[in-house]
Amino acid sequence: MDINGTTDFKIRKADKNDLRALVDVRLAYLDEDWKGLPADQRFIIKTQLNAYFKKHLGSDDFTAMLAEQDGETVSSAFIIYSERPANLPFITGKTALILNVFTAPAHRGKGLATKLLGELIREARERGASFIELSATPAGRPLYEKLGFTLYQSSHCTEMRLQLA
């Protein structure tokens, strides 16, 4: 598939043969986002990622899209689906969370993340998700806004979290 007239990239859903590539691209994303990972935490995260991808890849609750060039994964985007009792903000009871939108620095600005996200948005619509949410980095925010994502107040309640680990 040719993206914006540049070198050929293959855009596809990840499958069970991509476990190592998924772990590697997730670690690359985390290294950039967190300015590096301490070795002990990297080991724990890598172990969890291997188990997570083995369990969820190919299931109805997780999709990973990859862009490849010459067999190398150069961009990724993941989506996780949840179902819960319906509410006004999620009338279908189905919601989606996008994460790990990452493109290797040498391949940025070629439209890869836009293409991957477009595929995930299309899939989420087909699956009946009420909305897709994500956390935007400053660098990613313009792309997400271009695709129609907006800032939101999730409900009339205050969002809270109890950190357990």
N, C-alpha and C. Protein backbone atom coordinates (compact mmCIF):
# COMPACT_ATOMS: atom_id res chain seq x y z
N MET A 1 0.85 -1.17 0.00
CA MET A 1 0.00 0.00 0.00
C MET A 1 0.90 1.23 0.00
N ASP A 2 0.63 2.15 -0.88
CA ASP A 2 1.43 3.37 -0.99
C ASP A 2 0.76 4.46 -0.15
N ILE A 3 1.50 5.04 0.76
CA ILE A 3 0.97 6.09 1.64
C ILE A 3 1.52 7.43 1.18
N ASN A 4 0.63 8.34 0.81
CA ASN A 4 1.02 9.70 0.41
C ASN A 4 2.15 9.72 -0.63
N GLY A 5 2.14 8.79 -1.54
CA GLY A 5 3.14 8.79 -2.61
C GLY A 5 4.55 8.45 -2.16
N THR A 6 4.73 7.89 -0.97
CA THR A 6 6.06 7.56 -0.47
C THR A 6 6.35 6.09 -0.75
N THR A 7 7.44 5.60 -0.24
CA THR A 7 7.84 4.21 -0.38
C THR A 7 6.71 3.30 0.07
N ASP A 8 6.65 2.13 -0.50
CA ASP A 8 5.58 1.18 -0.16
C ASP A 8 5.67 0.72 1.29
N PHE A 9 4.51 0.75 1.93
CA PHE A 9 4.36 0.25 3.29
C PHE A 9 3.22 -0.74 3.27
N LYS A 10 3.34 -1.77 4.04
CA LYS A 10 2.27 -2.74 4.18
C LYS A 10 1.51 -2.41 5.45
N ILE A 11 0.21 -2.20 5.33
CA ILE A 11 -0.67 -1.90 6.46
C ILE A 11 -1.50 -3.15 6.71
N ARG A 12 -1.47 -3.66 7.96
CA ARG A 12 -2.22 -4.88 8.24
C ARG A 12 -2.49 -5.04 9.73
N LYS A 13 -3.46 -5.93 10.02
CA LYS A 13 -3.72 -6.32 11.40
C LYS A 13 -2.62 -7.27 11.85
N ALA A 14 -2.23 -7.13 13.08
CA ALA A 14 -1.24 -8.05 13.65
C ALA A 14 -1.90 -9.40 13.89
N ASP A 15 -1.08 -10.43 13.83
CA ASP A 15 -1.55 -11.77 14.14
C ASP A 15 -0.57 -12.45 15.10
N LYS A 16 -0.82 -13.69 15.41
CA LYS A 16 -0.01 -14.42 16.41
C LYS A 16 1.48 -14.47 16.06
N ASN A 17 1.81 -14.30 14.79
CA ASN A 17 3.22 -14.30 14.38
C ASN A 17 3.92 -12.99 14.71
N ASP A 18 3.17 -12.00 15.20
CA ASP A 18 3.72 -10.67 15.46
C ASP A 18 3.99 -10.39 16.93
N LEU A 19 3.97 -11.41 17.77
CA LEU A 19 4.12 -11.18 19.21
C LEU A 19 5.40 -10.39 19.53
N ARG A 20 6.50 -10.79 18.97
CA ARG A 20 7.76 -10.08 19.25
C ARG A 20 7.71 -8.64 18.76
N ALA A 21 7.17 -8.42 17.55
CA ALA A 21 7.08 -7.06 17.01
C ALA A 21 6.19 -6.19 17.89
N LEU A 22 5.09 -6.75 18.41
CA LEU A 22 4.19 -5.98 19.27
C LEU A 22 4.88 -5.59 20.57
N VAL A 23 5.60 -6.52 21.17
CA VAL A 23 6.34 -6.20 22.39
C VAL A 23 7.38 -5.13 22.09
N ASP A 24 8.12 -5.28 21.02
CA ASP A 24 9.16 -4.31 20.67
C ASP A 24 8.61 -2.92 20.42
N VAL A 25 7.50 -2.84 19.69
CA VAL A 25 6.95 -1.52 19.37
C VAL A 25 6.32 -0.88 20.61
N ARG A 26 5.76 -1.70 21.49
CA ARG A 26 5.22 -1.16 22.75
C ARG A 26 6.36 -0.63 23.62
N LEU A 27 7.45 -1.37 23.72
CA LEU A 27 8.60 -0.91 24.50
C LEU A 27 9.21 0.35 23.89
N ALA A 28 9.27 0.44 22.57
CA ALA A 28 9.79 1.65 21.92
C ALA A 28 8.90 2.85 22.25
N TYR A 29 7.58 2.64 22.23
CA TYR A 29 6.64 3.70 22.59
C TYR A 29 6.87 4.15 24.04
N LEU A 30 6.95 3.17 24.95
CA LEU A 30 7.13 3.50 26.37
C LEU A 30 8.47 4.18 26.62
N ASP A 31 9.53 3.73 25.95
CA ASP A 31 10.84 4.37 26.09
C ASP A 31 10.77 5.84 25.70
N GLU A 32 10.08 6.13 24.61
CA GLU A 32 9.97 7.52 24.17
C GLU A 32 9.07 8.32 25.11
N ASP A 33 7.93 7.75 25.46
CA ASP A 33 6.95 8.47 26.27
C ASP A 33 7.46 8.74 27.68
N TRP A 34 8.20 7.79 28.25
CA TRP A 34 8.67 7.92 29.63
C TRP A 34 10.16 8.27 29.71
N LYS A 35 10.75 8.60 28.58
CA LYS A 35 12.18 8.99 28.53
C LYS A 35 13.07 7.86 29.04
N GLY A 36 12.73 6.63 28.68
CA GLY A 36 13.50 5.46 29.08
C GLY A 36 12.82 4.72 30.22
N LEU A 37 13.07 3.44 30.27
CA LEU A 37 12.51 2.60 31.33
C LEU A 37 13.64 2.00 32.15
N PRO A 38 13.55 2.04 33.48
CA PRO A 38 14.55 1.36 34.31
C PRO A 38 14.54 -0.14 33.99
N ALA A 39 15.71 -0.78 34.03
CA ALA A 39 15.86 -2.18 33.63
C ALA A 39 14.92 -3.12 34.37
N ASP A 40 14.74 -2.92 35.68
CA ASP A 40 13.86 -3.82 36.44
C ASP A 40 12.41 -3.67 36.01
N GLN A 41 11.97 -2.45 35.75
CA GLN A 41 10.60 -2.22 35.29
C GLN A 41 10.42 -2.70 33.86
N ARG A 42 11.44 -2.52 33.03
CA ARG A 42 11.39 -2.98 31.65
C ARG A 42 11.16 -4.49 31.60
N PHE A 43 11.85 -5.23 32.46
CA PHE A 43 11.69 -6.68 32.51
C PHE A 43 10.26 -7.06 32.89
N ILE A 44 9.72 -6.42 33.91
CA ILE A 44 8.34 -6.70 34.36
C ILE A 44 7.35 -6.38 33.25
N ILE A 45 7.52 -5.22 32.63
CA ILE A 45 6.61 -4.81 31.56
C ILE A 45 6.70 -5.76 30.37
N LYS A 46 7.92 -6.13 29.99
CA LYS A 46 8.10 -7.03 28.85
C LYS A 46 7.44 -8.39 29.12
N THR A 47 7.57 -8.89 30.33
CA THR A 47 6.95 -10.16 30.70
C THR A 47 5.43 -10.05 30.60
N GLN A 48 4.87 -8.96 31.12
CA GLN A 48 3.42 -8.77 31.07
C GLN A 48 2.95 -8.62 29.63
N LEU A 49 3.70 -7.87 28.81
CA LEU A 49 3.30 -7.67 27.41
C LEU A 49 3.25 -9.00 26.66
N ASN A 50 4.25 -9.84 26.85
CA ASN A 50 4.23 -11.16 26.19
C ASN A 50 2.97 -11.92 26.55
N ALA A 51 2.64 -11.96 27.83
CA ALA A 51 1.45 -12.68 28.28
C ALA A 51 0.18 -12.02 27.75
N TYR A 52 0.13 -10.69 27.78
CA TYR A 52 -1.06 -9.97 27.31
C TYR A 52 -1.32 -10.23 25.84
N PHE A 53 -0.31 -10.06 25.01
CA PHE A 53 -0.50 -10.23 23.58
C PHE A 53 -0.85 -11.68 23.23
N LYS A 54 -0.23 -12.66 23.91
CA LYS A 54 -0.58 -14.06 23.66
C LYS A 54 -2.06 -14.31 23.98
N LYS A 55 -2.54 -13.70 25.04
CA LYS A 55 -3.93 -13.91 25.47
C LYS A 55 -4.93 -13.15 24.60
N HIS A 56 -4.62 -11.90 24.24
CA HIS A 56 -5.63 -11.04 23.63
C HIS A 56 -5.56 -10.92 22.11
N LEU A 57 -4.41 -11.14 21.53
CA LEU A 57 -4.29 -11.01 20.09
C LEU A 57 -5.17 -12.05 19.40
N GLY A 58 -6.02 -11.59 18.52
CA GLY A 58 -6.96 -12.48 17.85
C GLY A 58 -8.29 -12.61 18.56
N SER A 59 -8.42 -11.96 19.72
CA SER A 59 -9.69 -11.99 20.45
C SER A 59 -10.56 -10.80 20.00
N ASP A 60 -11.78 -10.76 20.50
CA ASP A 60 -12.69 -9.67 20.14
C ASP A 60 -12.41 -8.38 20.91
N ASP A 61 -11.53 -8.44 21.91
CA ASP A 61 -11.32 -7.25 22.74
C ASP A 61 -10.04 -6.48 22.43
N PHE A 62 -9.28 -6.89 21.42
CA PHE A 62 -8.01 -6.22 21.13
C PHE A 62 -7.68 -6.36 19.64
N THR A 63 -7.26 -5.25 19.05
CA THR A 63 -6.75 -5.25 17.68
C THR A 63 -5.49 -4.40 17.65
N ALA A 64 -4.48 -4.88 16.96
CA ALA A 64 -3.26 -4.11 16.72
C ALA A 64 -3.10 -3.96 15.22
N MET A 65 -2.89 -2.74 14.77
CA MET A 65 -2.60 -2.46 13.37
C MET A 65 -1.12 -2.12 13.26
N LEU A 66 -0.49 -2.62 12.21
CA LEU A 66 0.94 -2.39 11.99
C LEU A 66 1.18 -1.83 10.59
N ALA A 67 2.20 -1.00 10.48
CA ALA A 67 2.72 -0.58 9.18
C ALA A 67 4.13 -1.14 9.11
N GLU A 68 4.42 -1.80 7.99
CA GLU A 68 5.73 -2.41 7.81
C GLU A 68 6.39 -1.90 6.54
N GLN A 69 7.69 -1.85 6.58
CA GLN A 69 8.48 -1.58 5.39
C GLN A 69 9.62 -2.58 5.36
N ASP A 70 9.72 -3.32 4.29
CA ASP A 70 10.76 -4.35 4.14
C ASP A 70 10.77 -5.31 5.33
N GLY A 71 9.58 -5.70 5.80
CA GLY A 71 9.46 -6.66 6.89
C GLY A 71 9.69 -6.10 8.28
N GLU A 72 9.98 -4.82 8.39
CA GLU A 72 10.22 -4.18 9.69
C GLU A 72 9.00 -3.37 10.10
N THR A 73 8.55 -3.56 11.34
CA THR A 73 7.43 -2.77 11.86
C THR A 73 7.92 -1.36 12.13
N VAL A 74 7.28 -0.37 11.48
CA VAL A 74 7.71 1.02 11.63
C VAL A 74 6.63 1.89 12.26
N SER A 75 5.41 1.37 12.39
CA SER A 75 4.33 2.14 13.01
C SER A 75 3.29 1.18 13.55
N SER A 76 2.61 1.62 14.61
CA SER A 76 1.60 0.77 15.23
C SER A 76 0.49 1.61 15.84
N ALA A 77 -0.65 0.98 16.05
CA ALA A 77 -1.75 1.55 16.82
C ALA A 77 -2.58 0.38 17.34
N PHE A 78 -2.96 0.46 18.61
CA PHE A 78 -3.72 -0.60 19.26
C PHE A 78 -5.09 -0.06 19.65
N ILE A 79 -6.07 -0.96 19.73
CA ILE A 79 -7.38 -0.60 20.25
C ILE A 79 -7.87 -1.72 21.16
N ILE A 80 -8.43 -1.34 22.29
CA ILE A 80 -8.99 -2.28 23.27
C ILE A 80 -10.48 -1.98 23.40
N TYR A 81 -11.28 -3.01 23.31
CA TYR A 81 -12.73 -2.86 23.41
C TYR A 81 -13.21 -3.31 24.78
N SER A 82 -14.22 -2.58 25.29
CA SER A 82 -14.84 -2.92 26.57
C SER A 82 -16.34 -2.91 26.40
N GLU A 83 -16.99 -3.75 27.14
CA GLU A 83 -18.45 -3.73 27.16
C GLU A 83 -18.89 -3.66 28.61
N ARG A 84 -19.84 -2.80 28.87
CA ARG A 84 -20.35 -2.60 30.22
C ARG A 84 -21.82 -2.22 30.12
N PRO A 85 -22.53 -2.16 31.23
CA PRO A 85 -23.94 -1.77 31.16
C PRO A 85 -24.08 -0.38 30.52
N ALA A 86 -25.02 -0.25 29.62
CA ALA A 86 -25.22 1.01 28.89
C ALA A 86 -25.49 2.18 29.82
N ASN A 87 -25.14 3.35 29.35
CA ASN A 87 -25.29 4.60 30.08
C ASN A 87 -25.48 5.67 29.00
N LEU A 88 -25.88 6.87 29.36
CA LEU A 88 -26.07 7.90 28.34
C LEU A 88 -24.80 8.18 27.53
N PRO A 89 -23.62 8.26 28.13
CA PRO A 89 -22.42 8.50 27.30
C PRO A 89 -22.03 7.30 26.43
N PHE A 90 -22.43 6.08 26.80
CA PHE A 90 -22.11 4.90 25.97
C PHE A 90 -23.36 4.04 25.85
N ILE A 91 -24.26 4.53 24.99
CA ILE A 91 -25.59 3.97 24.83
C ILE A 91 -25.57 2.52 24.35
N THR A 92 -24.55 2.13 23.59
CA THR A 92 -24.45 0.74 23.12
C THR A 92 -23.82 -0.17 24.17
N GLY A 93 -23.24 0.41 25.20
CA GLY A 93 -22.52 -0.35 26.21
C GLY A 93 -21.11 -0.70 25.77
N LYS A 94 -20.78 -0.41 24.52
CA LYS A 94 -19.46 -0.75 23.98
C LYS A 94 -18.62 0.51 23.83
N THR A 95 -17.39 0.45 24.32
CA THR A 95 -16.46 1.57 24.18
C THR A 95 -15.11 1.03 23.71
N ALA A 96 -14.27 1.95 23.28
CA ALA A 96 -12.95 1.55 22.79
C ALA A 96 -11.91 2.53 23.29
N LEU A 97 -10.70 2.03 23.46
CA LEU A 97 -9.56 2.82 23.92
C LEU A 97 -8.42 2.60 22.94
N ILE A 98 -7.92 3.67 22.36
CA ILE A 98 -6.76 3.60 21.48
C ILE A 98 -5.52 3.89 22.29
N LEU A 99 -4.47 3.10 22.03
CA LEU A 99 -3.19 3.34 22.68
C LEU A 99 -2.07 2.88 21.76
N ASN A 100 -0.87 3.22 22.15
CA ASN A 100 0.35 2.83 21.45
C ASN A 100 0.37 3.29 19.99
N VAL A 101 -0.10 4.51 19.76
CA VAL A 101 0.06 5.08 18.43
C VAL A 101 1.51 5.54 18.36
N PHE A 102 2.30 4.83 17.56
CA PHE A 102 3.74 5.08 17.53
C PHE A 102 4.26 4.88 16.12
N THR A 103 5.10 5.80 15.69
CA THR A 103 5.81 5.67 14.42
C THR A 103 7.28 5.92 14.69
N ALA A 104 8.12 5.04 14.17
CA ALA A 104 9.56 5.22 14.33
C ALA A 104 9.96 6.59 13.79
N PRO A 105 10.86 7.30 14.46
CA PRO A 105 11.21 8.66 14.06
C PRO A 105 11.53 8.83 12.58
N ALA A 106 12.22 7.90 11.96
CA ALA A 106 12.60 8.04 10.54
C ALA A 106 11.40 7.95 9.59
N HIS A 107 10.24 7.53 10.10
CA HIS A 107 9.07 7.34 9.23
C HIS A 107 7.91 8.28 9.58
N ARG A 108 8.15 9.23 10.45
CA ARG A 108 7.08 10.16 10.83
C ARG A 108 6.78 11.14 9.69
N GLY A 109 5.55 11.62 9.67
CA GLY A 109 5.14 12.60 8.67
C GLY A 109 4.77 11.98 7.33
N LYS A 110 4.63 10.66 7.27
CA LYS A 110 4.29 9.98 6.03
C LYS A 110 2.84 9.50 5.98
N GLY A 111 2.07 9.81 7.01
CA GLY A 111 0.67 9.42 7.04
C GLY A 111 0.40 8.03 7.58
N LEU A 112 1.41 7.39 8.15
CA LEU A 112 1.23 6.02 8.63
C LEU A 112 0.26 5.95 9.81
N ALA A 113 0.45 6.79 10.81
CA ALA A 113 -0.44 6.77 11.98
C ALA A 113 -1.86 7.13 11.56
N THR A 114 -2.02 8.06 10.64
CA THR A 114 -3.36 8.43 10.15
C THR A 114 -4.04 7.22 9.53
N LYS A 115 -3.32 6.47 8.73
CA LYS A 115 -3.88 5.29 8.07
C LYS A 115 -4.24 4.22 9.11
N LEU A 116 -3.35 3.95 10.04
CA LEU A 116 -3.62 2.94 11.07
C LEU A 116 -4.84 3.33 11.91
N LEU A 117 -4.90 4.58 12.31
CA LEU A 117 -6.03 5.05 13.11
C LEU A 117 -7.33 4.99 12.31
N GLY A 118 -7.27 5.33 11.05
CA GLY A 118 -8.46 5.23 10.20
C GLY A 118 -9.03 3.83 10.18
N GLU A 119 -8.14 2.84 10.10
CA GLU A 119 -8.58 1.44 10.12
C GLU A 119 -9.22 1.08 11.46
N LEU A 120 -8.63 1.54 12.55
CA LEU A 120 -9.18 1.24 13.87
C LEU A 120 -10.51 1.95 14.10
N ILE A 121 -10.64 3.18 13.64
CA ILE A 121 -11.90 3.92 13.76
C ILE A 121 -13.01 3.21 12.97
N ARG A 122 -12.68 2.79 11.76
CA ARG A 122 -13.65 2.06 10.94
C ARG A 122 -14.10 0.78 11.66
N GLU A 123 -13.15 0.04 12.19
CA GLU A 123 -13.48 -1.20 12.90
C GLU A 123 -14.37 -0.91 14.11
N ALA A 124 -14.03 0.12 14.89
CA ALA A 124 -14.83 0.44 16.09
C ALA A 124 -16.26 0.81 15.71
N ARG A 125 -16.43 1.53 14.62
CA ARG A 125 -17.80 1.85 14.15
C ARG A 125 -18.55 0.56 13.80
N GLU A 126 -17.87 -0.32 13.06
CA GLU A 126 -18.51 -1.59 12.66
C GLU A 126 -18.89 -2.43 13.88
N ARG A 127 -18.11 -2.35 14.93
CA ARG A 127 -18.39 -3.13 16.14
C ARG A 127 -19.42 -2.47 17.05
N GLY A 128 -19.86 -1.27 16.70
CA GLY A 128 -20.91 -0.61 17.47
C GLY A 128 -20.44 0.13 18.71
N ALA A 129 -19.17 0.51 18.75
CA ALA A 129 -18.68 1.27 19.91
C ALA A 129 -19.36 2.63 19.96
N SER A 130 -19.73 3.06 21.15
CA SER A 130 -20.34 4.38 21.32
C SER A 130 -19.31 5.49 21.17
N PHE A 131 -18.09 5.23 21.59
CA PHE A 131 -17.03 6.21 21.44
C PHE A 131 -15.68 5.53 21.50
N ILE A 132 -14.67 6.28 21.08
CA ILE A 132 -13.28 5.87 21.23
C ILE A 132 -12.61 6.95 22.06
N GLU A 133 -11.85 6.54 23.03
CA GLU A 133 -11.09 7.50 23.83
C GLU A 133 -9.61 7.21 23.71
N LEU A 134 -8.82 8.20 24.06
CA LEU A 134 -7.37 8.04 24.06
C LEU A 134 -6.76 9.13 24.91
N SER A 135 -5.50 8.94 25.24
CA SER A 135 -4.71 9.98 25.91
C SER A 135 -3.73 10.50 24.88
N ALA A 136 -3.77 11.80 24.65
CA ALA A 136 -2.95 12.41 23.60
C ALA A 136 -1.69 13.03 24.17
N THR A 137 -0.57 12.70 23.56
CA THR A 137 0.67 13.44 23.85
C THR A 137 0.59 14.77 23.11
N PRO A 138 1.39 15.75 23.50
CA PRO A 138 1.37 17.01 22.74
C PRO A 138 1.68 16.81 21.25
N ALA A 139 2.56 15.89 20.93
CA ALA A 139 2.90 15.65 19.52
C ALA A 139 1.75 14.99 18.77
N GLY A 140 0.98 14.14 19.44
CA GLY A 140 -0.10 13.43 18.78
C GLY A 140 -1.41 14.18 18.69
N ARG A 141 -1.60 15.16 19.56
CA ARG A 141 -2.89 15.85 19.62
C ARG A 141 -3.36 16.43 18.29
N PRO A 142 -2.51 17.10 17.50
CA PRO A 142 -3.00 17.62 16.21
C PRO A 142 -3.55 16.53 15.28
N LEU A 143 -2.92 15.37 15.27
CA LEU A 143 -3.41 14.26 14.44
C LEU A 143 -4.78 13.83 14.91
N TYR A 144 -4.94 13.64 16.22
CA TYR A 144 -6.22 13.19 16.75
C TYR A 144 -7.32 14.21 16.48
N GLU A 145 -7.00 15.48 16.64
CA GLU A 145 -8.00 16.51 16.34
C GLU A 145 -8.38 16.50 14.87
N LYS A 146 -7.42 16.28 13.99
CA LYS A 146 -7.69 16.19 12.55
C LYS A 146 -8.66 15.05 12.25
N LEU A 147 -8.57 13.99 13.03
CA LEU A 147 -9.45 12.83 12.84
C LEU A 147 -10.80 12.98 13.55
N GLY A 148 -11.00 14.09 14.28
CA GLY A 148 -12.29 14.35 14.91
C GLY A 148 -12.34 14.14 16.41
N PHE A 149 -11.24 13.77 17.04
CA PHE A 149 -11.23 13.63 18.49
C PHE A 149 -11.31 15.01 19.13
N THR A 150 -12.03 15.11 20.23
CA THR A 150 -12.18 16.37 20.94
C THR A 150 -11.94 16.15 22.43
N LEU A 151 -11.62 17.22 23.14
CA LEU A 151 -11.55 17.16 24.59
C LEU A 151 -12.97 16.95 25.10
N TYR A 152 -13.12 16.27 26.22
CA TYR A 152 -14.47 16.03 26.73
C TYR A 152 -14.49 15.98 28.24
N GLN A 153 -15.64 16.27 28.77
CA GLN A 153 -15.98 16.03 30.17
C GLN A 153 -16.80 14.76 30.12
N SER A 154 -16.33 13.67 30.69
CA SER A 154 -16.95 12.37 30.48
C SER A 154 -18.37 12.27 31.05
N SER A 155 -18.67 12.97 32.08
CA SER A 155 -20.02 12.93 32.64
C SER A 155 -20.17 14.09 33.62
N HIS A 156 -21.26 14.10 34.29
CA HIS A 156 -21.50 15.12 35.30
C HIS A 156 -20.77 14.80 36.60
N CYS A 157 -20.06 13.69 36.61
CA CYS A 157 -19.31 13.26 37.79
C CYS A 157 -17.83 13.58 37.62
N THR A 158 -17.12 13.61 38.72
CA THR A 158 -15.68 13.81 38.70
C THR A 158 -14.99 12.47 38.51
N GLU A 159 -14.13 12.39 37.52
CA GLU A 159 -13.37 11.16 37.28
C GLU A 159 -12.31 11.03 38.37
N MET A 160 -12.19 9.83 38.95
CA MET A 160 -11.24 9.59 40.01
C MET A 160 -10.56 8.25 39.76
N ARG A 161 -9.43 8.04 40.41
CA ARG A 161 -8.68 6.80 40.26
C ARG A 161 -8.00 6.47 41.57
N LEU A 162 -7.96 5.19 41.89
CA LEU A 162 -7.19 4.67 43.01
C LEU A 162 -6.05 3.86 42.42
N GLN A 163 -4.84 4.33 42.55
CA GLN A 163 -3.67 3.63 42.01
C GLN A 163 -3.35 2.43 42.89
N LEU A 164 -3.31 1.24 42.33
CA LEU A 164 -3.07 0.02 43.11
C LEU A 164 -1.68 -0.56 42.90
N ALA A 165 -1.05 -0.28 41.81
CA ALA A 165 0.28 -0.84 41.56
C ALA A 165 1.17 0.20 40.91
